[in-house]
C-alpha atoms as a PDB file:
ATOM      1  CA  MET A   1      35.653  -7.138  15.285  1.00  0.00           C
ATOM      2  CA  MET A   2      34.396  -6.960  11.663  1.00  0.00           C
ATOM      3  CA  ASN A   3      36.707  -6.070   8.837  1.00  0.00           C
ATOM      4  CA  LYS A   4      35.700  -3.246   6.505  1.00  0.00           C
ATOM      5  CA  PRO A   5      34.313  -5.403   3.624  1.00  0.00           C
ATOM      6  CA  THR A   6      32.211  -7.457   6.060  1.00  0.00           C
ATOM      7  CA  LEU A   7      30.908  -4.294   7.721  1.00  0.00           C
ATOM      8  CA  ALA A   8      30.043  -2.805   4.313  1.00  0.00           C
ATOM      9  CA  VAL A   9      28.093  -5.927   3.289  1.00  0.00           C
ATOM     10  CA  ALA A  10      26.248  -5.961   6.629  1.00  0.00           C
ATOM     11  CA  THR A  11      25.382  -2.277   6.262  1.00  0.00           C
ATOM     12  CA  LEU A  12      24.086  -2.775   2.715  1.00  0.00           C
ATOM     13  CA  ALA A  13      21.975  -5.719   3.854  1.00  0.00           C
ATOM     14  CA  LEU A  14      20.423  -3.590   6.608  1.00  0.00           C
ATOM     15  CA  LEU A  15      19.708  -0.765   4.181  1.00  0.00           C
ATOM     16  CA  ALA A  16      18.091  -3.152   1.696  1.00  0.00           C
ATOM     17  CA  ALA A  17      15.928  -4.577   4.473  1.00  0.00           C
ATOM     18  CA  CYS A  18      14.631  -1.073   5.198  1.00  0.00           C
ATOM     19  CA  THR A  19      13.585  -0.389   1.601  1.00  0.00           C
ATOM     20  CA  THR A  20      11.320  -3.377   1.021  1.00  0.00           C
ATOM     21  CA  PRO A  21       8.695  -4.985   3.222  1.00  0.00           C
ATOM     22  CA  PRO A  22       9.058  -8.583   4.334  1.00  0.00           C
ATOM     23  CA  ALA A  23       8.006 -11.160   1.726  1.00  0.00           C
ATOM     24  CA  ASN A  24       6.143 -14.414   2.186  1.00  0.00           C
ATOM     25  CA  PRO A  25       4.509 -16.671  -0.430  1.00  0.00           C
ATOM     26  CA  ASN A  26       1.517 -17.117   1.906  1.00  0.00           C
ATOM     27  CA  ALA A  27       0.935 -13.405   2.604  1.00  0.00           C
ATOM     28  CA  GLY A  28      -2.694 -12.366   2.370  1.00  0.00           C
ATOM     29  CA  PRO A  29      -5.051  -9.711   3.685  1.00  0.00           C
ATOM     30  CA  GLY A  30      -5.573  -9.151   7.381  1.00  0.00           C
ATOM     31  CA  ALA A  31      -8.850 -10.065   9.055  1.00  0.00           C
ATOM     32  CA  THR A  32      -9.966  -6.593  10.204  1.00  0.00           C
ATOM     33  CA  LEU A  33     -12.176  -4.594   7.842  1.00  0.00           C
ATOM     34  CA  ALA A  34     -10.603  -1.279   6.869  1.00  0.00           C
ATOM     35  CA  SER A  35     -12.446   1.948   7.414  1.00  0.00           C
ATOM     36  CA  PRO A  36     -12.520   4.076   4.263  1.00  0.00           C
ATOM     37  CA  GLN A  37     -10.679   6.809   6.172  1.00  0.00           C
ATOM     38  CA  GLU A  38      -7.848   4.406   7.133  1.00  0.00           C
ATOM     39  CA  ALA A  39      -7.656   3.234   3.519  1.00  0.00           C
ATOM     40  CA  GLY A  40      -7.541   6.826   2.256  1.00  0.00           C
ATOM     41  CA  THR A  41      -4.700   7.677   4.600  1.00  0.00           C
ATOM     42  CA  LEU A  42      -2.691   4.643   3.496  1.00  0.00           C
ATOM     43  CA  PHE A  43      -3.432   5.334  -0.185  1.00  0.00           C
ATOM     44  CA  ALA A  44      -2.113   8.881   0.159  1.00  0.00           C
ATOM     45  CA  GLN A  45       1.043   7.677   1.938  1.00  0.00           C
ATOM     46  CA  VAL A  46       1.806   4.833  -0.476  1.00  0.00           C
ATOM     47  CA  CYS A  47       0.456   5.933  -3.855  1.00  0.00           C
ATOM     48  CA  VAL A  48      -0.084   9.709  -3.928  1.00  0.00           C
ATOM     49  CA  ALA A  49       3.139  10.587  -2.088  1.00  0.00           C
ATOM     50  CA  ASN A  50       5.185   8.453  -4.478  1.00  0.00           C
ATOM     51  CA  LEU A  51       3.891   9.837  -7.775  1.00  0.00           C
ATOM     52  CA  PRO A  52       4.738   9.842 -10.622  1.00  0.00           C
ATOM     53  CA  GLN A  53       6.670   6.560 -10.991  1.00  0.00           C
ATOM     54  CA  PHE A  54       5.935   4.943  -7.577  1.00  0.00           C
ATOM     55  CA  ARG A  55       9.618   3.908  -7.290  1.00  0.00           C
ATOM     56  CA  SER A  56       9.695   4.762  -3.575  1.00  0.00           C
ATOM     57  CA  ALA A  57       6.401   3.034  -2.780  1.00  0.00           C
ATOM     58  CA  PRO A  58       8.121  -0.221  -1.637  1.00  0.00           C
ATOM     59  CA  ALA A  59      10.214   1.773   0.851  1.00  0.00           C
ATOM     60  CA  THR A  60       7.043   3.437   2.145  1.00  0.00           C
ATOM     61  CA  LEU A  61       5.357   0.042   2.456  1.00  0.00           C
ATOM     62  CA  ALA A  62       8.412  -1.222   4.383  1.00  0.00           C
ATOM     63  CA  ARG A  63       7.764   1.431   7.056  1.00  0.00           C
ATOM     64  CA  LEU A  64       4.123   0.358   7.356  1.00  0.00           C
ATOM     65  CA  PRO A  65       2.686  -3.005   8.487  1.00  0.00           C
ATOM     66  CA  PHE A  66       2.673  -4.674   5.051  1.00  0.00           C
ATOM     67  CA  THR A  67       4.005  -8.001   3.797  1.00  0.00           C
ATOM     68  CA  GLN A  68       4.545  -8.701   0.113  1.00  0.00           C
ATOM     69  CA  ASN A  69       3.264 -11.949  -1.334  1.00  0.00           C
ATOM     70  CA  SER A  70       6.428 -13.218  -3.018  1.00  0.00           C
ATOM     71  CA  THR A  71       4.370 -15.192  -5.552  1.00  0.00           C
ATOM     72  CA  THR A  72       1.942 -12.479  -6.716  1.00  0.00           C
ATOM     73  CA  SER A  73       3.973  -9.334  -5.761  1.00  0.00           C
ATOM     74  CA  THR A  74       0.866  -7.873  -4.052  1.00  0.00           C
ATOM     75  CA  TYR A  75       1.460  -6.095  -0.739  1.00  0.00           C
ATOM     76  CA  TYR A  76      -0.991  -7.031   2.034  1.00  0.00           C
ATOM     77  CA  HIS A  77      -1.664  -5.093   5.210  1.00  0.00           C
ATOM     78  CA  ASN A  78      -0.848  -7.295   8.178  1.00  0.00           C
ATOM     79  CA  THR A  79      -4.082  -6.589  10.077  1.00  0.00           C
ATOM     80  CA  LEU A  80      -6.489  -4.801   7.711  1.00  0.00           C
ATOM     81  CA  ASN A  81      -8.292  -6.481   4.814  1.00  0.00           C
ATOM     82  CA  LEU A  82      -6.453  -4.222   2.374  1.00  0.00           C
ATOM     83  CA  SER A  83      -3.893  -4.711  -0.389  1.00  0.00           C
ATOM     84  CA  VAL A  84      -1.684  -2.570  -2.622  1.00  0.00           C
ATOM     85  CA  ASN A  85      -0.437  -3.508  -6.063  1.00  0.00           C
ATOM     86  CA  LEU A  86       2.260  -1.741  -8.073  1.00  0.00           C
ATOM     87  CA  ALA A  87       1.916  -2.880 -11.670  1.00  0.00           C
ATOM     88  CA  GLN A  88       1.917  -1.500 -15.206  1.00  0.00           C
ATOM     89  CA  GLY A  89       2.971   1.939 -13.976  1.00  0.00           C
ATOM     90  CA  ASP A  90      -0.039   2.269 -11.644  1.00  0.00           C
ATOM     91  CA  CYS A  91      -0.561   2.064  -7.904  1.00  0.00           C
ATOM     92  CA  SER A  92      -3.807   0.424  -6.843  1.00  0.00           C
ATOM     93  CA  MET A  93      -5.494  -0.462  -3.588  1.00  0.00           C
ATOM     94  CA  VAL A  94      -8.325  -2.850  -2.778  1.00  0.00           C
ATOM     95  CA  PHE A  95     -10.035  -2.861   0.611  1.00  0.00           C
ATOM     96  CA  PHE A  96     -13.080  -4.450   2.216  1.00  0.00           C
ATOM     97  CA  SER A  97     -15.348  -2.314   4.385  1.00  0.00           C
ATOM     98  CA  ASN A  98     -18.727  -2.236   6.143  1.00  0.00           C
ATOM     99  CA  ASP A  99     -19.376   1.209   4.624  1.00  0.00           C
ATOM    100  CA  SER A 100     -21.657   0.965   1.577  1.00  0.00           C
ATOM    101  CA  THR A 101     -20.573   4.410   0.305  1.00  0.00           C
ATOM    102  CA  PRO A 102     -16.843   4.679   1.164  1.00  0.00           C
ATOM    103  CA  ALA A 103     -15.708   7.356  -1.295  1.00  0.00           C
ATOM    104  CA  GLU A 104     -16.248  10.464   0.857  1.00  0.00           C
ATOM    105  CA  GLU A 105     -14.519   9.066   3.949  1.00  0.00           C
ATOM    106  CA  PHE A 106     -11.723   7.697   1.765  1.00  0.00           C
ATOM    107  CA  VAL A 107     -11.072  11.156   0.309  1.00  0.00           C
ATOM    108  CA  THR A 108     -11.178  12.683   3.809  1.00  0.00           C
ATOM    109  CA  GLY A 109      -8.525  10.227   4.972  1.00  0.00           C
ATOM    110  CA  ALA A 110      -6.360  10.962   1.954  1.00  0.00           C
ATOM    111  CA  GLU A 111      -6.686  14.735   2.369  1.00  0.00           C
ATOM    112  CA  GLN A 112      -5.824  14.636   6.087  1.00  0.00           C
ATOM    113  CA  THR A 113      -2.320  13.451   5.259  1.00  0.00           C
ATOM    114  CA  GLY A 114      -1.611  16.833   3.685  1.00  0.00           C
ATOM    115  CA  ILE A 115      -0.130  15.068   0.660  1.00  0.00           C
ATOM    116  CA  GLN A 116      -1.073  16.630  -2.639  1.00  0.00           C
ATOM    117  CA  GLY A 117      -0.491  14.897  -5.923  1.00  0.00           C
ATOM    118  CA  SER A 118      -1.688  14.832  -9.456  1.00  0.00           C
ATOM    119  CA  GLY A 119      -2.718  11.769 -11.319  1.00  0.00           C
ATOM    120  CA  ASP A 120      -5.703  10.054 -12.820  1.00  0.00           C
ATOM    121  CA  ALA A 121      -7.570   8.092 -10.139  1.00  0.00           C
ATOM    122  CA  THR A 122     -10.450   5.706 -10.633  1.00  0.00           C
ATOM    123  CA  PHE A 123     -12.592   4.547  -7.715  1.00  0.00           C
ATOM    124  CA  THR A 124     -14.881   1.555  -8.154  1.00  0.00           C
ATOM    125  CA  VAL A 125     -17.142  -0.020  -5.556  1.00  0.00           C
ATOM    126  CA  ARG A 126     -19.047  -3.281  -5.584  1.00  0.00           C
ATOM    127  CA  GLN A 127     -20.851  -5.448  -3.056  1.00  0.00           C
ATOM    128  CA  LEU A 128     -19.615  -8.927  -2.208  1.00  0.00           C
ATOM    129  CA  ASN A 129     -21.155 -11.159   0.452  1.00  0.00           C
ATOM    130  CA  GLY A 130     -22.621  -8.172   2.310  1.00  0.00           C
ATOM    131  CA  LEU A 131     -19.376  -6.177   2.295  1.00  0.00           C
ATOM    132  CA  THR A 132     -18.205  -3.275   0.185  1.00  0.00           C
ATOM    133  CA  VAL A 133     -15.141  -3.891  -1.967  1.00  0.00           C
ATOM    134  CA  ALA A 134     -13.431  -0.677  -3.053  1.00  0.00           C
ATOM    135  CA  ASN A 135     -10.742  -0.544  -5.731  1.00  0.00           C
ATOM    136  CA  ILE A 136      -8.765   2.639  -6.299  1.00  0.00           C
ATOM    137  CA  ARG A 137      -6.222   2.913  -9.127  1.00  0.00           C
ATOM    138  CA  LEU A 138      -3.872   5.856  -9.526  1.00  0.00           C
ATOM    139  CA  SER A 139      -2.102   6.397 -12.835  1.00  0.00           C
ATOM    140  CA  PRO A 140       0.433   9.163 -13.478  1.00  0.00           C
ATOM    141  CA  THR A 141      -0.905  11.883 -15.777  1.00  0.00           C
END
């Protein structure tokens, strides 16, 4: 039987484990290309829902299949070629897709979550080795 201080430490350790995703210095993007709609849904859950300071974003990422690279601090999806970065007061996402014009489907995915937020978002797209690379950055207004 555990004594009270040991039980308290064990409980705190379990709670801390629930608020941050696993970390690994070798974490990197998954191999499966993300659909823009999947990316939009994840962006709404991680970035939009945690405006304005994104303090709860790590806890959200802990409930999703993400691993944080302990060297770079970037969060990588375990199966999708998609990453999230929380830096300089912004929340950003990068994903690789087959879709050459991902913005509309991305917005559809984000809107389907029902999460509404305000902020200044930039969406940039470029081509790399036949794939579309989308970068979305959300800054509090």
